[in-house]
């Protein structure tokens, strides 16, 4: 039985593919950028254990770069440092407002069931023998009103 040769990506395609991953591209975007078919990428992953995991790690590089940029910015910019603390230490640094009732008591909330009130109103109007259009608050165009007669 003849052994099938192991497929390996050409270096320039592999480099281009990995540079797209380093920019945060998805696998599909990196394949498109490098001119690599999905089938060839899958075959390369199959023949190179751990390559898929490496690709996932490469895609995280922009996050790591952003963390370092943020850390540097926080050291040099008080406004950025304050924003960072508001996001990371909400209990201590976030801006918040509390709403209370009179003298700091809890707010009193009243809930009205408008659906039930509407049903009662419609029933009352029916009992009072009002025209159906008025009961349902229908606005019938004049053109159609003339056809009703």
N, C-alpha and C. Protein backbone atom coordinates (compact mmCIF):
# COMPACT_ATOMS: atom_id res chain seq x y z
N UNK A 1 0.84 -1.19 0.00
CA UNK A 1 0.00 0.00 0.00
C UNK A 1 0.88 1.25 0.00
N UNK A 2 0.56 2.14 -0.91
CA UNK A 2 1.37 3.35 -1.06
C UNK A 2 0.96 4.38 0.00
N UNK A 3 1.97 4.96 0.65
CA UNK A 3 1.72 5.94 1.70
C UNK A 3 1.53 7.32 1.07
N UNK A 4 0.45 8.02 1.50
CA UNK A 4 0.14 9.35 0.99
C UNK A 4 1.12 10.35 1.58
N UNK A 5 1.67 11.27 0.77
CA UNK A 5 2.60 12.26 1.31
C UNK A 5 1.89 13.21 2.29
N UNK A 6 2.60 13.61 3.33
CA UNK A 6 2.05 14.51 4.33
C UNK A 6 2.01 15.92 3.75
N UNK A 7 0.82 16.56 3.85
CA UNK A 7 0.67 17.90 3.31
C UNK A 7 1.20 18.91 4.32
N UNK A 8 1.96 19.85 3.81
CA UNK A 8 2.47 20.93 4.64
C UNK A 8 2.25 22.24 3.89
N UNK A 9 1.85 23.26 4.62
CA UNK A 9 1.63 24.56 3.98
C UNK A 9 2.94 25.16 3.51
N UNK A 10 2.94 25.77 2.33
CA UNK A 10 4.14 26.50 1.90
C UNK A 10 4.42 27.62 2.90
N UNK A 11 5.69 27.91 3.15
CA UNK A 11 6.09 28.88 4.16
C UNK A 11 5.44 30.24 3.97
N UNK A 12 5.43 30.76 2.72
CA UNK A 12 4.87 32.11 2.53
C UNK A 12 3.37 32.15 2.82
N UNK A 13 2.63 31.09 2.50
CA UNK A 13 1.20 31.03 2.81
C UNK A 13 0.99 30.91 4.32
N UNK A 14 1.80 30.04 4.94
CA UNK A 14 1.69 29.85 6.39
C UNK A 14 2.01 31.16 7.12
N UNK A 15 3.04 31.87 6.69
CA UNK A 15 3.40 33.16 7.32
C UNK A 15 2.28 34.18 7.16
N UNK A 16 1.71 34.25 5.98
CA UNK A 16 0.64 35.21 5.72
C UNK A 16 -0.60 34.85 6.55
N UNK A 17 -0.90 33.56 6.61
CA UNK A 17 -2.03 33.06 7.40
C UNK A 17 -1.86 33.42 8.87
N UNK A 18 -0.68 33.16 9.41
CA UNK A 18 -0.42 33.43 10.83
C UNK A 18 -0.39 34.92 11.13
N UNK A 19 0.08 35.74 10.16
CA UNK A 19 0.08 37.19 10.41
C UNK A 19 -1.36 37.72 10.49
N UNK A 20 -2.27 37.13 9.73
CA UNK A 20 -3.69 37.52 9.82
C UNK A 20 -4.26 37.12 11.18
N UNK A 21 -3.87 35.94 11.66
CA UNK A 21 -4.33 35.50 12.98
C UNK A 21 -3.81 36.45 14.07
N UNK A 22 -2.57 36.88 13.92
CA UNK A 22 -1.98 37.82 14.89
C UNK A 22 -2.71 39.16 14.91
N UNK A 23 -3.40 39.47 13.81
CA UNK A 23 -4.19 40.70 13.74
C UNK A 23 -5.60 40.49 14.30
N UNK A 24 -5.89 39.25 14.74
CA UNK A 24 -7.19 38.96 15.35
C UNK A 24 -8.22 38.43 14.40
N UNK A 25 -7.82 38.08 13.16
CA UNK A 25 -8.77 37.55 12.18
C UNK A 25 -9.28 36.18 12.61
N UNK A 26 -10.47 35.84 12.12
CA UNK A 26 -10.98 34.49 12.31
C UNK A 26 -10.19 33.54 11.40
N UNK A 27 -10.36 32.26 11.61
CA UNK A 27 -9.69 31.26 10.76
C UNK A 27 -10.12 31.47 9.30
N UNK A 28 -11.42 31.67 9.08
CA UNK A 28 -11.92 31.86 7.72
C UNK A 28 -11.31 33.11 7.08
N UNK A 29 -11.23 34.20 7.85
CA UNK A 29 -10.64 35.44 7.32
C UNK A 29 -9.16 35.26 7.01
N UNK A 30 -8.46 34.56 7.89
CA UNK A 30 -7.03 34.32 7.68
C UNK A 30 -6.80 33.45 6.44
N UNK A 31 -7.65 32.45 6.25
CA UNK A 31 -7.55 31.60 5.06
C UNK A 31 -7.75 32.44 3.80
N UNK A 32 -8.76 33.28 3.82
CA UNK A 32 -9.04 34.14 2.67
C UNK A 32 -7.86 35.07 2.40
N UNK A 33 -7.33 35.67 3.46
CA UNK A 33 -6.21 36.61 3.34
C UNK A 33 -4.97 35.93 2.75
N UNK A 34 -4.73 34.68 3.17
CA UNK A 34 -3.52 33.97 2.74
C UNK A 34 -3.73 33.20 1.43
N UNK A 35 -4.97 33.15 0.95
CA UNK A 35 -5.24 32.39 -0.26
C UNK A 35 -5.20 30.89 0.01
N UNK A 36 -5.65 30.51 1.19
CA UNK A 36 -5.60 29.12 1.64
C UNK A 36 -7.01 28.56 1.67
N UNK A 37 -7.21 27.38 1.13
CA UNK A 37 -8.55 26.79 1.17
C UNK A 37 -8.79 26.21 2.56
N UNK A 38 -10.04 26.15 2.94
CA UNK A 38 -10.41 25.55 4.21
C UNK A 38 -9.99 24.09 4.29
N UNK A 39 -10.07 23.43 3.16
CA UNK A 39 -9.67 22.01 3.09
C UNK A 39 -8.17 21.86 3.37
N UNK A 40 -7.35 22.73 2.78
CA UNK A 40 -5.90 22.67 3.02
C UNK A 40 -5.57 23.00 4.48
N UNK A 41 -6.29 23.96 5.05
CA UNK A 41 -6.08 24.30 6.46
C UNK A 41 -6.40 23.10 7.34
N UNK A 42 -7.54 22.45 7.08
CA UNK A 42 -7.94 21.27 7.86
C UNK A 42 -6.92 20.15 7.73
N UNK A 43 -6.45 19.93 6.52
CA UNK A 43 -5.45 18.88 6.26
C UNK A 43 -4.16 19.19 7.02
N UNK A 44 -3.75 20.47 7.02
CA UNK A 44 -2.52 20.87 7.73
C UNK A 44 -2.70 20.63 9.24
N UNK A 45 -3.87 20.96 9.77
CA UNK A 45 -4.13 20.74 11.21
C UNK A 45 -4.10 19.25 11.54
N UNK A 46 -4.65 18.44 10.64
CA UNK A 46 -4.69 16.99 10.85
C UNK A 46 -3.27 16.41 10.90
N UNK A 47 -2.40 16.93 10.04
CA UNK A 47 -1.03 16.41 9.95
C UNK A 47 -0.06 17.07 10.92
N UNK A 48 -0.50 18.10 11.60
CA UNK A 48 0.36 18.82 12.54
C UNK A 48 -0.38 19.01 13.87
N UNK A 49 -0.34 17.98 14.70
CA UNK A 49 -1.06 18.06 15.99
C UNK A 49 -0.63 19.31 16.76
N UNK A 50 -1.62 20.00 17.31
CA UNK A 50 -1.34 21.19 18.09
C UNK A 50 -1.40 22.48 17.28
N UNK A 51 -1.49 22.36 15.93
CA UNK A 51 -1.49 23.57 15.11
C UNK A 51 -2.78 24.38 15.31
N UNK A 52 -3.90 23.69 15.44
CA UNK A 52 -5.17 24.39 15.65
C UNK A 52 -5.10 25.20 16.94
N UNK A 53 -4.58 24.59 18.01
CA UNK A 53 -4.45 25.29 19.29
C UNK A 53 -3.51 26.50 19.16
N UNK A 54 -2.44 26.31 18.38
CA UNK A 54 -1.51 27.42 18.15
C UNK A 54 -2.24 28.58 17.47
N UNK A 55 -3.08 28.26 16.50
CA UNK A 55 -3.84 29.30 15.78
C UNK A 55 -4.76 30.05 16.73
N UNK A 56 -5.41 29.34 17.63
CA UNK A 56 -6.29 29.99 18.60
C UNK A 56 -5.49 30.93 19.51
N UNK A 57 -4.30 30.51 19.90
CA UNK A 57 -3.45 31.37 20.73
C UNK A 57 -2.99 32.61 19.97
N UNK A 58 -2.66 32.44 18.69
CA UNK A 58 -2.24 33.58 17.87
C UNK A 58 -3.36 34.62 17.77
N UNK A 59 -4.60 34.14 17.71
CA UNK A 59 -5.74 35.05 17.60
C UNK A 59 -5.92 35.91 18.85
N UNK A 60 -5.35 35.49 19.98
CA UNK A 60 -5.44 36.25 21.23
C UNK A 60 -4.39 37.35 21.34
N UNK A 61 -3.46 37.40 20.41
CA UNK A 61 -2.38 38.38 20.49
C UNK A 61 -2.87 39.83 20.57
N UNK A 62 -3.89 40.23 19.79
CA UNK A 62 -4.36 41.62 19.92
C UNK A 62 -4.86 41.95 21.33
N UNK A 63 -5.43 40.97 22.01
CA UNK A 63 -5.89 41.20 23.38
C UNK A 63 -4.70 41.45 24.29
N UNK A 64 -3.67 40.66 24.12
CA UNK A 64 -2.46 40.83 24.93
C UNK A 64 -1.82 42.19 24.63
N UNK A 65 -1.72 42.53 23.35
CA UNK A 65 -1.16 43.84 22.97
C UNK A 65 -1.97 44.97 23.58
N UNK A 66 -3.30 44.83 23.56
CA UNK A 66 -4.18 45.85 24.13
C UNK A 66 -3.97 46.01 25.62
N UNK A 67 -3.77 44.90 26.30
CA UNK A 67 -3.52 44.97 27.75
C UNK A 67 -2.24 45.76 28.06
N UNK A 68 -1.19 45.50 27.29
CA UNK A 68 0.06 46.23 27.51
C UNK A 68 -0.09 47.72 27.17
N UNK A 69 -0.81 48.00 26.09
CA UNK A 69 -1.05 49.39 25.72
C UNK A 69 -1.85 50.10 26.79
N UNK A 70 -2.87 49.43 27.31
CA UNK A 70 -3.68 50.00 28.38
C UNK A 70 -2.85 50.24 29.64
N UNK A 71 -2.04 49.26 30.00
CA UNK A 71 -1.20 49.40 31.21
C UNK A 71 -0.26 50.60 31.07
N UNK A 72 0.30 50.77 29.89
CA UNK A 72 1.19 51.91 29.66
C UNK A 72 0.40 53.22 29.72
N UNK A 73 -0.78 53.23 29.12
CA UNK A 73 -1.62 54.42 29.10
C UNK A 73 -2.06 54.81 30.50
N UNK A 74 -2.37 53.83 31.32
CA UNK A 74 -2.80 54.09 32.70
C UNK A 74 -1.70 54.78 33.49
N UNK A 75 -0.46 54.41 33.22
CA UNK A 75 0.67 55.02 33.92
C UNK A 75 0.86 56.48 33.52
N UNK A 76 0.49 56.81 32.27
CA UNK A 76 0.76 58.14 31.74
C UNK A 76 -0.45 59.06 31.70
N UNK A 77 -1.65 58.54 31.94
CA UNK A 77 -2.86 59.33 31.73
C UNK A 77 -3.82 59.10 32.89
N UNK A 78 -4.03 60.15 33.70
CA UNK A 78 -4.89 60.03 34.88
C UNK A 78 -6.33 59.70 34.51
N UNK A 79 -6.83 60.28 33.42
CA UNK A 79 -8.20 60.00 33.00
C UNK A 79 -8.36 58.52 32.63
N UNK A 80 -7.38 57.99 31.92
CA UNK A 80 -7.42 56.57 31.55
C UNK A 80 -7.32 55.70 32.79
N UNK A 81 -6.50 56.10 33.74
CA UNK A 81 -6.37 55.35 34.99
C UNK A 81 -7.70 55.31 35.73
N UNK A 82 -8.40 56.44 35.75
CA UNK A 82 -9.69 56.50 36.43
C UNK A 82 -10.72 55.61 35.73
N UNK A 83 -10.76 55.62 34.40
CA UNK A 83 -11.67 54.76 33.64
C UNK A 83 -11.38 53.29 33.92
N UNK A 84 -10.09 52.96 33.99
CA UNK A 84 -9.69 51.58 34.26
C UNK A 84 -10.18 51.15 35.64
N UNK A 85 -9.99 52.00 36.63
CA UNK A 85 -10.42 51.66 37.99
C UNK A 85 -11.95 51.55 38.08
N UNK A 86 -12.66 52.41 37.37
CA UNK A 86 -14.13 52.33 37.37
C UNK A 86 -14.60 50.99 36.81
N UNK A 87 -13.87 50.47 35.83
CA UNK A 87 -14.25 49.19 35.22
C UNK A 87 -13.81 48.00 36.08
N UNK A 88 -12.63 48.09 36.68
CA UNK A 88 -12.09 46.96 37.43
C UNK A 88 -12.49 46.93 38.91
N UNK A 89 -12.71 48.08 39.50
CA UNK A 89 -13.06 48.17 40.92
C UNK A 89 -14.35 48.98 41.07
N UNK A 90 -15.44 48.40 40.54
CA UNK A 90 -16.71 49.11 40.50
C UNK A 90 -17.20 49.56 41.86
N UNK A 91 -17.07 48.70 42.87
CA UNK A 91 -17.58 49.05 44.21
C UNK A 91 -16.95 50.33 44.74
N UNK A 92 -15.70 50.53 44.44
CA UNK A 92 -14.99 51.67 44.99
C UNK A 92 -14.98 52.90 44.08
N UNK A 93 -14.91 52.70 42.76
CA UNK A 93 -14.68 53.83 41.86
C UNK A 93 -15.81 54.16 40.88
N UNK A 94 -16.80 53.28 40.75
CA UNK A 94 -17.82 53.57 39.74
C UNK A 94 -18.77 54.67 40.22
N UNK A 95 -19.29 55.39 39.25
CA UNK A 95 -20.27 56.41 39.55
C UNK A 95 -21.62 55.72 39.60
N UNK A 96 -22.33 55.93 40.68
CA UNK A 96 -23.64 55.30 40.79
C UNK A 96 -24.56 56.24 41.54
N UNK A 97 -25.82 56.04 41.35
CA UNK A 97 -26.79 56.84 42.08
C UNK A 97 -27.82 55.90 42.69
N UNK A 98 -28.27 56.27 43.84
CA UNK A 98 -29.28 55.46 44.52
C UNK A 98 -30.56 56.26 44.57
N UNK A 99 -31.65 55.60 44.35
CA UNK A 99 -32.95 56.25 44.38
C UNK A 99 -33.72 55.77 45.60
N UNK A 100 -34.17 56.73 46.38
CA UNK A 100 -34.93 56.39 47.58
C UNK A 100 -36.16 57.28 47.64
N UNK A 101 -37.06 56.87 48.49
CA UNK A 101 -38.26 57.66 48.70
C UNK A 101 -38.00 58.75 49.72
N UNK A 102 -39.08 59.31 50.26
CA UNK A 102 -39.00 60.37 51.25
C UNK A 102 -38.20 59.92 52.46
N UNK A 103 -37.32 60.75 52.93
CA UNK A 103 -36.48 60.50 54.11
C UNK A 103 -35.65 59.23 54.01
N UNK A 104 -35.25 58.88 52.79
CA UNK A 104 -34.38 57.72 52.60
C UNK A 104 -35.09 56.38 52.64
N UNK A 105 -36.41 56.41 52.75
CA UNK A 105 -37.16 55.15 52.78
C UNK A 105 -37.20 54.53 51.38
N UNK A 106 -37.62 53.28 51.33
CA UNK A 106 -37.74 52.60 50.04
C UNK A 106 -38.80 53.27 49.19
N UNK A 107 -38.61 53.25 47.89
CA UNK A 107 -39.60 53.82 46.98
C UNK A 107 -40.88 53.00 47.04
N UNK A 108 -41.99 53.69 46.97
CA UNK A 108 -43.29 53.01 46.93
C UNK A 108 -43.68 52.86 45.46
N UNK A 109 -43.89 51.64 45.03
CA UNK A 109 -44.23 51.38 43.63
C UNK A 109 -45.65 50.86 43.57
N UNK A 110 -46.43 51.49 42.72
CA UNK A 110 -47.80 51.05 42.55
C UNK A 110 -47.96 50.54 41.13
N UNK A 111 -48.54 49.37 41.01
CA UNK A 111 -48.71 48.75 39.70
C UNK A 111 -50.20 48.73 39.38
N UNK A 112 -50.54 49.22 38.21
CA UNK A 112 -51.93 49.23 37.78
C UNK A 112 -52.09 48.25 36.63
N UNK A 113 -53.10 47.42 36.73
CA UNK A 113 -53.38 46.46 35.67
C UNK A 113 -54.33 47.12 34.68
N UNK A 114 -53.72 47.79 33.66
CA UNK A 114 -54.52 48.53 32.70
C UNK A 114 -55.40 47.61 31.87
N UNK A 115 -54.95 46.42 31.61
CA UNK A 115 -55.73 45.49 30.81
C UNK A 115 -57.05 45.19 31.51
N UNK A 116 -56.98 44.96 32.82
CA UNK A 116 -58.19 44.67 33.60
C UNK A 116 -59.11 45.88 33.62
N UNK A 117 -58.53 47.09 33.77
CA UNK A 117 -59.34 48.31 33.78
C UNK A 117 -60.03 48.49 32.43
N UNK A 118 -59.33 48.23 31.34
CA UNK A 118 -59.92 48.38 30.02
C UNK A 118 -61.08 47.40 29.82
N UNK A 119 -60.90 46.18 30.30
CA UNK A 119 -61.96 45.19 30.17
C UNK A 119 -63.21 45.64 30.93
N UNK A 120 -62.99 46.17 32.13
CA UNK A 120 -64.13 46.64 32.93
C UNK A 120 -64.83 47.81 32.25
N UNK A 121 -64.05 48.71 31.65
CA UNK A 121 -64.62 49.86 30.96
C UNK A 121 -65.44 49.42 29.75
N UNK A 122 -64.92 48.47 28.98
CA UNK A 122 -65.65 47.96 27.81
C UNK A 122 -66.94 47.30 28.27
N UNK A 123 -66.85 46.49 29.32
CA UNK A 123 -68.06 45.82 29.84
C UNK A 123 -69.10 46.85 30.29
N UNK A 124 -68.65 47.90 30.96
CA UNK A 124 -69.57 48.96 31.43
C UNK A 124 -70.24 49.62 30.24
N UNK A 125 -69.49 49.92 29.20
CA UNK A 125 -70.06 50.58 28.02
C UNK A 125 -71.05 49.67 27.30
N UNK A 126 -70.74 48.38 27.27
CA UNK A 126 -71.67 47.43 26.63
C UNK A 126 -72.98 47.44 27.40
N UNK A 127 -72.87 47.38 28.72
CA UNK A 127 -74.08 47.40 29.55
C UNK A 127 -74.85 48.71 29.37
N UNK A 128 -74.16 49.80 29.11
CA UNK A 128 -74.82 51.09 28.89
C UNK A 128 -75.30 51.23 27.45
N UNK A 129 -75.12 50.18 26.63
CA UNK A 129 -75.57 50.12 25.23
C UNK A 129 -74.97 51.19 24.35
N UNK A 130 -73.68 51.43 24.45
CA UNK A 130 -73.01 52.37 23.56
C UNK A 130 -72.70 51.65 22.25
N UNK A 131 -72.62 52.39 21.13
CA UNK A 131 -72.29 51.76 19.84
C UNK A 131 -70.92 51.06 19.90
N UNK A 132 -70.80 49.96 19.20
CA UNK A 132 -69.59 49.15 19.23
C UNK A 132 -68.36 49.96 18.81
N UNK A 133 -68.47 50.81 17.78
CA UNK A 133 -67.33 51.60 17.32
C UNK A 133 -66.79 52.47 18.45
N UNK A 134 -67.68 53.04 19.22
CA UNK A 134 -67.25 53.89 20.33
C UNK A 134 -66.62 53.07 21.45
N UNK A 135 -67.16 51.88 21.68
CA UNK A 135 -66.63 51.02 22.73
C UNK A 135 -65.18 50.65 22.43
N UNK A 136 -64.92 50.32 21.19
CA UNK A 136 -63.58 49.88 20.81
C UNK A 136 -62.69 51.03 20.38
N UNK A 137 -63.21 52.26 20.45
CA UNK A 137 -62.46 53.44 20.03
C UNK A 137 -61.96 53.32 18.60
N UNK A 138 -62.80 52.77 17.74
CA UNK A 138 -62.41 52.63 16.34
C UNK A 138 -62.64 53.95 15.62
N UNK A 139 -61.71 54.30 14.78
CA UNK A 139 -61.85 55.48 13.97
C UNK A 139 -62.08 55.00 12.54
N UNK A 140 -63.34 54.93 12.18
CA UNK A 140 -63.69 54.42 10.87
C UNK A 140 -63.64 55.58 9.87
N UNK A 141 -62.87 55.43 8.77
CA UNK A 141 -62.81 56.50 7.77
C UNK A 141 -64.20 56.84 7.25
N UNK A 142 -64.43 58.11 6.91
CA UNK A 142 -65.74 58.58 6.43
C UNK A 142 -66.21 57.78 5.23
N UNK A 143 -65.27 57.43 4.39
CA UNK A 143 -65.58 56.66 3.20
C UNK A 143 -66.30 55.35 3.57
N UNK A 144 -65.80 54.67 4.62
CA UNK A 144 -66.39 53.41 5.05
C UNK A 144 -67.66 53.65 5.83
N UNK A 145 -67.78 54.77 6.54
CA UNK A 145 -69.00 55.06 7.30
C UNK A 145 -70.19 55.18 6.37
N UNK A 146 -69.96 55.78 5.21
CA UNK A 146 -71.04 55.94 4.24
C UNK A 146 -71.51 54.59 3.70
N UNK A 147 -70.56 53.64 3.57
CA UNK A 147 -70.92 52.30 3.06
C UNK A 147 -71.70 51.49 4.06
N UNK A 148 -71.59 51.82 5.35
CA UNK A 148 -72.27 51.07 6.39
C UNK A 148 -73.78 51.30 6.34
N UNK A 149 -74.16 52.47 5.89
CA UNK A 149 -75.58 52.85 5.94
C UNK A 149 -76.38 52.17 4.89
